[in-house]
Amino acid sequence: MEVLFLLVPVALILIALAIKLLFWAVKNGQYDDLNTEGRRILFDDEPGPQRTDNASATEAASGGEASPSGEASQKHQTATQVKTQE
């Protein structure tokens, strides 16, 4: 029963702090525009610069088919990545 003398004031202080933070957020405009942030995920961002690597350049140069040397270098890179991850 004596613990209530501690818990009730602590709870009241936490409630007062939460209300103060709510009013601070409203005053600083945190709740001014609720719709824009919710809709932002629905639209694509501006596309960044296209990244070209050796495999795509090799495919474009050979008419859509990768050359054997391009495939071999990709396999070598993949094998190297697997070894470094272990």
PDB file of N, CA and C in Angstrom:
ATOM      1  N   MET A   1       0.815  -1.191   0.000  1.00  0.00           N
ATOM      2  CA  MET A   1       0.000   0.000   0.000  1.00  0.00           C
ATOM      3  C   MET A   1       0.864   1.263   0.000  1.00  0.00           C
ATOM      4  N   GLU A   2       2.008   1.178   0.651  1.00  0.00           N
ATOM      5  CA  GLU A   2       2.884   2.345   0.729  1.00  0.00           C
ATOM      6  C   GLU A   2       3.514   2.677  -0.611  1.00  0.00           C
ATOM      7  N   VAL A   3       3.609   1.692  -1.495  1.00  0.00           N
ATOM      8  CA  VAL A   3       4.207   1.939  -2.802  1.00  0.00           C
ATOM      9  C   VAL A   3       3.335   2.885  -3.637  1.00  0.00           C
ATOM     10  N   LEU A   4       2.055   2.960  -3.343  1.00  0.00           N
ATOM     11  CA  LEU A   4       1.171   3.880  -4.062  1.00  0.00           C
ATOM     12  C   LEU A   4       1.564   5.340  -3.840  1.00  0.00           C
ATOM     13  N   PHE A   5       2.167   5.642  -2.676  1.00  0.00           N
ATOM     14  CA  PHE A   5       2.615   7.007  -2.416  1.00  0.00           C
ATOM     15  C   PHE A   5       3.746   7.401  -3.356  1.00  0.00           C
ATOM     16  N   LEU A   6       4.409   6.441  -3.915  1.00  0.00           N
ATOM     17  CA  LEU A   6       5.465   6.707  -4.898  1.00  0.00           C
ATOM     18  C   LEU A   6       4.931   6.617  -6.326  1.00  0.00           C
ATOM     19  N   LEU A   7       4.104   5.616  -6.593  1.00  0.00           N
ATOM     20  CA  LEU A   7       3.657   5.376  -7.965  1.00  0.00           C
ATOM     21  C   LEU A   7       2.669   6.415  -8.483  1.00  0.00           C
ATOM     22  N   VAL A   8       1.799   6.905  -7.644  1.00  0.00           N
ATOM     23  CA  VAL A   8       0.805   7.893  -8.089  1.00  0.00           C
ATOM     24  C   VAL A   8       1.489   9.194  -8.509  1.00  0.00           C
ATOM     25  N   PRO A   9       2.393   9.762  -7.718  1.00  0.00           N
ATOM     26  CA  PRO A   9       3.075  10.984  -8.191  1.00  0.00           C
ATOM     27  C   PRO A   9       3.921  10.748  -9.446  1.00  0.00           C
ATOM     28  N   VAL A  10       4.568   9.594  -9.546  1.00  0.00           N
ATOM     29  CA  VAL A  10       5.363   9.297 -10.744  1.00  0.00           C
ATOM     30  C   VAL A  10       4.452   9.219 -11.963  1.00  0.00           C
ATOM     31  N   ALA A  11       3.311   8.582 -11.842  1.00  0.00           N
ATOM     32  CA  ALA A  11       2.367   8.488 -12.949  1.00  0.00           C
ATOM     33  C   ALA A  11       1.852   9.870 -13.338  1.00  0.00           C
ATOM     34  N   LEU A  12       1.555  10.715 -12.375  1.00  0.00           N
ATOM     35  CA  LEU A  12       1.077  12.064 -12.678  1.00  0.00           C
ATOM     36  C   LEU A  12       2.154  12.891 -13.384  1.00  0.00           C
ATOM     37  N   ILE A  13       3.387  12.719 -12.968  1.00  0.00           N
ATOM     38  CA  ILE A  13       4.489  13.435 -13.628  1.00  0.00           C
ATOM     39  C   ILE A  13       4.645  12.959 -15.072  1.00  0.00           C
ATOM     40  N   LEU A  14       4.543  11.657 -15.305  1.00  0.00           N
ATOM     41  CA  LEU A  14       4.662  11.131 -16.662  1.00  0.00           C
ATOM     42  C   LEU A  14       3.506  11.598 -17.549  1.00  0.00           C
ATOM     43  N   ILE A  15       2.314  11.657 -17.003  1.00  0.00           N
ATOM     44  CA  ILE A  15       1.164  12.144 -17.771  1.00  0.00           C
ATOM     45  C   ILE A  15       1.345  13.617 -18.114  1.00  0.00           C
ATOM     46  N   ALA A  16       1.797  14.404 -17.153  1.00  0.00           N
ATOM     47  CA  ALA A  16       2.033  15.831 -17.407  1.00  0.00           C
ATOM     48  C   ALA A  16       3.111  16.022 -18.466  1.00  0.00           C
ATOM     49  N   LEU A  17       4.161  15.204 -18.419  1.00  0.00           N
ATOM     50  CA  LEU A  17       5.230  15.281 -19.419  1.00  0.00           C
ATOM     51  C   LEU A  17       4.703  14.918 -20.811  1.00  0.00           C
ATOM     52  N   ALA A  18       3.876  13.894 -20.902  1.00  0.00           N
ATOM     53  CA  ALA A  18       3.308  13.484 -22.190  1.00  0.00           C
ATOM     54  C   ALA A  18       2.414  14.583 -22.757  1.00  0.00           C
ATOM     55  N   ILE A  19       1.624  15.211 -21.924  1.00  0.00           N
ATOM     56  CA  ILE A  19       0.752  16.294 -22.393  1.00  0.00           C
ATOM     57  C   ILE A  19       1.581  17.489 -22.851  1.00  0.00           C
ATOM     58  N   LYS A  20       2.638  17.790 -22.106  1.00  0.00           N
ATOM     59  CA  LYS A  20       3.522  18.895 -22.483  1.00  0.00           C
ATOM     60  C   LYS A  20       4.189  18.612 -23.826  1.00  0.00           C
ATOM     61  N   LEU A  21       4.642  17.379 -24.049  1.00  0.00           N
ATOM     62  CA  LEU A  21       5.251  17.023 -25.333  1.00  0.00           C
ATOM     63  C   LEU A  21       4.240  17.089 -26.471  1.00  0.00           C
ATOM     64  N   LEU A  22       3.001  16.706 -26.218  1.00  0.00           N
ATOM     65  CA  LEU A  22       1.963  16.794 -27.237  1.00  0.00           C
ATOM     66  C   LEU A  22       1.732  18.243 -27.643  1.00  0.00           C
ATOM     67  N   PHE A  23       1.596  19.134 -26.673  1.00  0.00           N
ATOM     68  CA  PHE A  23       1.388  20.542 -26.999  1.00  0.00           C
ATOM     69  C   PHE A  23       2.605  21.135 -27.708  1.00  0.00           C
ATOM     70  N   TRP A  24       3.809  20.715 -27.326  1.00  0.00           N
ATOM     71  CA  TRP A  24       5.017  21.186 -28.009  1.00  0.00           C
ATOM     72  C   TRP A  24       5.005  20.749 -29.472  1.00  0.00           C
ATOM     73  N   ALA A  25       4.617  19.516 -29.734  1.00  0.00           N
ATOM     74  CA  ALA A  25       4.583  19.004 -31.102  1.00  0.00           C
ATOM     75  C   ALA A  25       3.544  19.745 -31.937  1.00  0.00           C
ATOM     76  N   VAL A  26       2.391  20.015 -31.378  1.00  0.00           N
ATOM     77  CA  VAL A  26       1.353  20.749 -32.102  1.00  0.00           C
ATOM     78  C   VAL A  26       1.820  22.172 -32.376  1.00  0.00           C
ATOM     79  N   LYS A  27       2.468  22.794 -31.396  1.00  0.00           N
ATOM     80  CA  LYS A  27       2.944  24.175 -31.546  1.00  0.00           C
ATOM     81  C   LYS A  27       4.015  24.273 -32.628  1.00  0.00           C
ATOM     82  N   ASN A  28       4.865  23.255 -32.770  1.00  0.00           N
ATOM     83  CA  ASN A  28       5.953  23.282 -33.747  1.00  0.00           C
ATOM     84  C   ASN A  28       5.563  22.726 -35.110  1.00  0.00           C
ATOM     85  N   GLY A  29       4.287  22.429 -35.326  1.00  0.00           N
ATOM     86  CA  GLY A  29       3.822  22.042 -36.643  1.00  0.00           C
ATOM     87  C   GLY A  29       3.992  20.581 -37.000  1.00  0.00           C
ATOM     88  N   GLN A  30       4.177  19.724 -36.038  1.00  0.00           N
ATOM     89  CA  GLN A  30       4.363  18.311 -36.335  1.00  0.00           C
ATOM     90  C   GLN A  30       3.093  17.661 -36.869  1.00  0.00           C
ATOM     91  N   TYR A  31       1.939  18.224 -36.574  1.00  0.00           N
ATOM     92  CA  TYR A  31       0.673  17.638 -37.006  1.00  0.00           C
ATOM     93  C   TYR A  31      -0.025  18.495 -38.064  1.00  0.00           C
ATOM     94  N   ASP A  32       0.694  19.385 -38.722  1.00  0.00           N
ATOM     95  CA  ASP A  32       0.077  20.267 -39.714  1.00  0.00           C
ATOM     96  C   ASP A  32      -0.357  19.520 -40.972  1.00  0.00           C
ATOM     97  N   ASP A  33       0.499  18.646 -41.503  1.00  0.00           N
ATOM     98  CA  ASP A  33       0.202  17.970 -42.761  1.00  0.00           C
ATOM     99  C   ASP A  33       0.349  16.470 -42.566  1.00  0.00           C
ATOM    100  N   LEU A  34      -0.748  15.810 -42.281  1.00  0.00           N
ATOM    101  CA  LEU A  34      -0.710  14.372 -42.014  1.00  0.00           C
ATOM    102  C   LEU A  34      -0.827  13.534 -43.284  1.00  0.00           C
ATOM    103  N   ASN A  35      -1.367  14.088 -44.354  1.00  0.00           N
ATOM    104  CA  ASN A  35      -1.627  13.310 -45.561  1.00  0.00           C
ATOM    105  C   ASN A  35      -0.407  13.135 -46.452  1.00  0.00           C
ATOM    106  N   THR A  36       0.475  14.126 -46.536  1.00  0.00           N
ATOM    107  CA  THR A  36       1.607  14.056 -47.460  1.00  0.00           C
ATOM    108  C   THR A  36       2.534  12.899 -47.127  1.00  0.00           C
ATOM    109  N   GLU A  37       2.863  12.730 -45.886  1.00  0.00           N
ATOM    110  CA  GLU A  37       3.789  11.665 -45.514  1.00  0.00           C
ATOM    111  C   GLU A  37       3.195  10.289 -45.759  1.00  0.00           C
ATOM    112  N   GLY A  38       1.906  10.143 -45.588  1.00  0.00           N
ATOM    113  CA  GLY A  38       1.257   8.863 -45.841  1.00  0.00           C
ATOM    114  C   GLY A  38       1.207   8.508 -47.315  1.00  0.00           C
ATOM    115  N   ARG A  39       1.139   9.517 -48.172  1.00  0.00           N
ATOM    116  CA  ARG A  39       1.065   9.282 -49.616  1.00  0.00           C
ATOM    117  C   ARG A  39       2.425   9.239 -50.290  1.00  0.00           C
ATOM    118  N   ARG A  40       3.458   9.688 -49.610  1.00  0.00           N
ATOM    119  CA  ARG A  40       4.792   9.752 -50.221  1.00  0.00           C
ATOM    120  C   ARG A  40       5.267   8.373 -50.666  1.00  0.00           C
ATOM    121  N   ILE A  41       4.909   7.335 -49.943  1.00  0.00           N
ATOM    122  CA  ILE A  41       5.368   5.990 -50.286  1.00  0.00           C
ATOM    123  C   ILE A  41       4.715   5.480 -51.570  1.00  0.00           C
ATOM    124  N   LEU A  42       3.596   6.059 -51.964  1.00  0.00           N
ATOM    125  CA  LEU A  42       2.895   5.589 -53.142  1.00  0.00           C
ATOM    126  C   LEU A  42       3.530   6.063 -54.448  1.00  0.00           C
ATOM    127  N   PHE A  43       4.343   7.093 -54.387  1.00  0.00           N
ATOM    128  CA  PHE A  43       4.923   7.667 -55.594  1.00  0.00           C
ATOM    129  C   PHE A  43       6.405   7.332 -55.662  1.00  0.00           C
ATOM    130  N   ASP A  44       6.896   7.094 -56.886  1.00  0.00           N
ATOM    131  CA  ASP A  44       8.309   6.797 -57.084  1.00  0.00           C
ATOM    132  C   ASP A  44       9.133   8.066 -56.932  1.00  0.00           C
ATOM    133  N   ASP A  45      10.346   7.883 -56.442  1.00  0.00           N
ATOM    134  CA  ASP A  45      11.276   8.998 -56.370  1.00  0.00           C
ATOM    135  C   ASP A  45      11.828   9.271 -57.760  1.00  0.00           C
ATOM    136  N   GLU A  46      12.527  10.365 -57.878  1.00  0.00           N
ATOM    137  CA  GLU A  46      13.204  10.666 -59.136  1.00  0.00           C
ATOM    138  C   GLU A  46      14.230   9.579 -59.394  1.00  0.00           C
ATOM    139  N   PRO A  47      14.281   9.050 -60.607  1.00  0.00           N
ATOM    140  CA  PRO A  47      15.276   8.005 -60.880  1.00  0.00           C
ATOM    141  C   PRO A  47      16.680   8.575 -60.813  1.00  0.00           C
ATOM    142  N   GLY A  48      17.559   7.844 -60.179  1.00  0.00           N
ATOM    143  CA  GLY A  48      18.947   8.255 -60.061  1.00  0.00           C
ATOM    144  C   GLY A  48      19.711   7.913 -61.316  1.00  0.00           C
ATOM    145  N   PRO A  49      21.000   8.186 -61.318  1.00  0.00           N
ATOM    146  CA  PRO A  49      21.807   7.863 -62.502  1.00  0.00           C
ATOM    147  C   PRO A  49      21.866   6.359 -62.715  1.00  0.00           C
ATOM    148  N   GLN A  50      21.782   5.949 -63.955  1.00  0.00           N
ATOM    149  CA  GLN A  50      21.818   4.535 -64.301  1.00  0.00           C
ATOM    150  C   GLN A  50      23.223   4.004 -64.077  1.00  0.00           C
ATOM    151  N   ARG A  51      23.328   2.881 -63.401  1.00  0.00           N
ATOM    152  CA  ARG A  51      24.623   2.252 -63.166  1.00  0.00           C
ATOM    153  C   ARG A  51      24.857   1.213 -64.252  1.00  0.00           C
ATOM    154  N   THR A  52      25.993   1.308 -64.881  1.00  0.00           N
ATOM    155  CA  THR A  52      26.332   0.304 -65.889  1.00  0.00           C
ATOM    156  C   THR A  52      27.535  -0.473 -65.388  1.00  0.00           C
ATOM    157  N   ASP A  53      27.450  -1.770 -65.496  1.00  0.00           N
ATOM    158  CA  ASP A  53      28.581  -2.603 -65.126  1.00  0.00           C
ATOM    159  C   ASP A  53      29.084  -3.321 -66.375  1.00  0.00           C
ATOM    160  N   ASN A  54      30.127  -4.087 -66.250  1.00  0.00           N
ATOM    161  CA  ASN A  54      30.730  -4.750 -67.406  1.00  0.00           C
ATOM    162  C   ASN A  54      29.792  -5.738 -68.066  1.00  0.00           C
ATOM    163  N   ALA A  55      28.954  -6.413 -67.307  1.00  0.00           N
ATOM    164  CA  ALA A  55      28.069  -7.421 -67.880  1.00  0.00           C
ATOM    165  C   ALA A  55      27.023  -6.783 -68.788  1.00  0.00           C
ATOM    166  N   SER A  56      26.425  -5.675 -68.349  1.00  0.00           N
ATOM    167  CA  SER A  56      25.406  -5.046 -69.181  1.00  0.00           C
ATOM    168  C   SER A  56      26.026  -4.397 -70.400  1.00  0.00           C
ATOM    169  N   ALA A  57      27.250  -3.851 -70.279  1.00  0.00           N
ATOM    170  CA  ALA A  57      27.933  -3.266 -71.438  1.00  0.00           C
ATOM    171  C   ALA A  57      28.300  -4.359 -72.429  1.00  0.00           C
ATOM    172  N   THR A  58      28.705  -5.525 -71.931  1.00  0.00           N
ATOM    173  CA  THR A  58      29.059  -6.633 -72.816  1.00  0.00           C
ATOM    174  C   THR A  58      27.827  -7.144 -73.533  1.00  0.00           C
ATOM    175  N   GLU A  59      26.705  -7.220 -72.837  1.00  0.00           N
ATOM    176  CA  GLU A  59      25.470  -7.684 -73.465  1.00  0.00           C
ATOM    177  C   GLU A  59      25.016  -6.718 -74.545  1.00  0.00           C
ATOM    178  N   ALA A  60      25.120  -5.433 -74.301  1.00  0.00           N
ATOM    179  CA  ALA A  60      24.692  -4.447 -75.283  1.00  0.00           C
ATOM    180  C   ALA A  60      25.584  -4.491 -76.516  1.00  0.00           C
ATOM    181  N   ALA A  61      26.881  -4.695 -76.322  1.00  0.00           N
ATOM    182  CA  ALA A  61      27.809  -4.711 -77.439  1.00  0.00           C
ATOM    183  C   ALA A  61      27.639  -5.960 -78.297  1.00  0.00           C
ATOM    184  N   SER A  62      27.238  -7.068 -77.713  1.00  0.00           N
ATOM    185  CA  SER A  62      27.130  -8.311 -78.473  1.00  0.00           C
ATOM    186  C   SER A  62      25.708  -8.573 -78.946  1.00  0.00           C
ATOM    187  N   GLY A  63      24.847  -7.594 -78.855  1.00  0.00           N
ATOM    188  CA  GLY A  63      23.485  -7.764 -79.339  1.00  0.00           C
ATOM    189  C   GLY A  63      22.582  -8.516 -78.381  1.00  0.00           C
ATOM    190  N   GLY A  64      22.814  -8.400 -77.096  1.00  0.00           N
ATOM    191  CA  GLY A  64      21.929  -9.021 -76.124  1.00  0.00           C
ATOM    192  C   GLY A  64      22.472 -10.301 -75.524  1.00  0.00           C
ATOM    193  N   GLU A  65      23.525 -10.843 -76.098  1.00  0.00           N
ATOM    194  CA  GLU A  65      24.105 -12.064 -75.548  1.00  0.00           C
ATOM    195  C   GLU A  65      25.434 -11.731 -74.904  1.00  0.00           C
ATOM    196  N   ALA A  66      25.645 -12.227 -73.700  1.00  0.00           N
ATOM    197  CA  ALA A  66      26.901 -11.988 -73.008  1.00  0.00           C
ATOM    198  C   ALA A  66      27.983 -12.863 -73.599  1.00  0.00           C
ATOM    199  N   SER A  67      29.163 -12.304 -73.674  1.00  0.00           N
ATOM    200  CA  SER A  67      30.279 -13.074 -74.213  1.00  0.00           C
ATOM    201  C   SER A  67      30.772 -14.059 -73.171  1.00  0.00           C
ATOM    202  N   PRO A  68      31.453 -15.122 -73.604  1.00  0.00           N
ATOM    203  CA  PRO A  68      31.969 -16.093 -72.635  1.00  0.00           C
ATOM    204  C   PRO A  68      32.925 -15.470 -71.637  1.00  0.00           C
ATOM    205  N   SER A  69      33.718 -14.512 -72.071  1.00  0.00           N
ATOM    206  CA  SER A  69      34.660 -13.897 -71.133  1.00  0.00           C
ATOM    207  C   SER A  69      33.905 -13.105 -70.069  1.00  0.00           C
ATOM    208  N   GLY A  70      32.778 -12.475 -70.433  1.00  0.00           N
ATOM    209  CA  GLY A  70      31.964 -11.753 -69.454  1.00  0.00           C
ATOM    210  C   GLY A  70      31.361 -12.695 -68.436  1.00  0.00           C
ATOM    211  N   GLU A  71      30.898 -13.863 -68.917  1.00  0.00           N
ATOM    212  CA  GLU A  71      30.323 -14.838 -67.993  1.00  0.00           C
ATOM    213  C   GLU A  71      31.382 -15.385 -67.052  1.00  0.00           C
ATOM    214  N   ALA A  72      32.579 -15.612 -67.590  1.00  0.00           N
ATOM    215  CA  ALA A  72      33.660 -16.146 -66.761  1.00  0.00           C
ATOM    216  C   ALA A  72      34.052 -15.135 -65.690  1.00  0.00           C
ATOM    217  N   SER A  73      34.098 -13.859 -66.060  1.00  0.00           N
ATOM    218  CA  SER A  73      34.477 -12.863 -65.056  1.00  0.00           C
ATOM    219  C   SER A  73      33.394 -12.738 -63.988  1.00  0.00           C
ATOM    220  N   GLN A  74      32.118 -12.883 -64.379  1.00  0.00           N
ATOM    221  CA  GLN A  74      31.048 -12.843 -63.387  1.00  0.00           C
ATOM    222  C   GLN A  74      31.148 -14.030 -62.438  1.00  0.00           C
ATOM    223  N   LYS A  75      31.439 -15.209 -62.975  1.00  0.00           N
ATOM    224  CA  LYS A  75      31.579 -16.382 -62.116  1.00  0.00           C
ATOM    225  C   LYS A  75      32.752 -16.204 -61.168  1.00  0.00           C
ATOM    226  N   HIS A  76      33.838 -15.614 -61.660  1.00  0.00           N
ATOM    227  CA  HIS A  76      35.005 -15.385 -60.820  1.00  0.00           C
ATOM    228  C   HIS A  76      34.660 -14.398 -59.705  1.00  0.00           C
ATOM    229  N   GLN A  77      33.930 -13.327 -60.044  1.00  0.00           N
ATOM    230  CA  GLN A  77      33.549 -12.354 -59.030  1.00  0.00           C
ATOM    231  C   GLN A  77      32.630 -12.973 -57.983  1.00  0.00           C
ATOM    232  N   THR A  78      31.693 -13.812 -58.420  1.00  0.00           N
ATOM    233  CA  THR A  78      30.778 -14.475 -57.495  1.00  0.00           C
ATOM    234  C   THR A  78      31.537 -15.423 -56.577  1.00  0.00           C
ATOM    235  N   ALA A  79      32.466 -16.177 -57.148  1.00  0.00           N
ATOM    236  CA  ALA A  79      33.259 -17.095 -56.325  1.00  0.00           C
ATOM    237  C   ALA A  79      34.113 -16.336 -55.322  1.00  0.00           C
ATOM    238  N   THR A  80      34.640 -15.199 -55.725  1.00  0.00           N
ATOM    239  CA  THR A  80      35.445 -14.383 -54.815  1.00  0.00           C
ATOM    240  C   THR A  80      34.585 -13.841 -53.691  1.00  0.00           C
ATOM    241  N   GLN A  81      33.376 -13.410 -54.017  1.00  0.00           N
ATOM    242  CA  GLN A  81      32.486 -12.874 -52.992  1.00  0.00           C
ATOM    243  C   GLN A  81      32.105 -13.974 -51.994  1.00  0.00           C
ATOM    244  N   VAL A  82      31.882 -15.182 -52.462  1.00  0.00           N
ATOM    245  CA  VAL A  82      31.522 -16.281 -51.568  1.00  0.00           C
ATOM    246  C   VAL A  82      32.671 -16.584 -50.633  1.00  0.00           C
ATOM    247  N   LYS A  83      33.903 -16.587 -51.158  1.00  0.00           N
ATOM    248  CA  LYS A  83      35.070 -16.871 -50.331  1.00  0.00           C
ATOM    249  C   LYS A  83      35.267 -15.798 -49.271  1.00  0.00           C
ATOM    250  N   THR A  84      35.031 -14.539 -49.623  1.00  0.00           N
ATOM    251  CA  THR A  84      35.232 -13.473 -48.645  1.00  0.00           C
ATOM    252  C   THR A  84      34.158 -13.461 -47.580  1.00  0.00           C
ATOM    253  N   GLN A  85      32.961 -13.958 -47.888  1.00  0.00           N
ATOM    254  CA  GLN A  85      31.888 -13.997 -46.895  1.00  0.00           C
ATOM    255  C   GLN A  85      32.111 -15.095 -45.882  1.00  0.00           C
ATOM    256  N   GLU A  86      32.811 -16.133 -46.249  1.00  0.00           N
ATOM    257  CA  GLU A  86      33.057 -17.240 -45.327  1.00  0.00           C
ATOM    258  C   GLU A  86      34.076 -16.816 -44.333  1.00  0.00           C
TER     259      GLU A  86
END
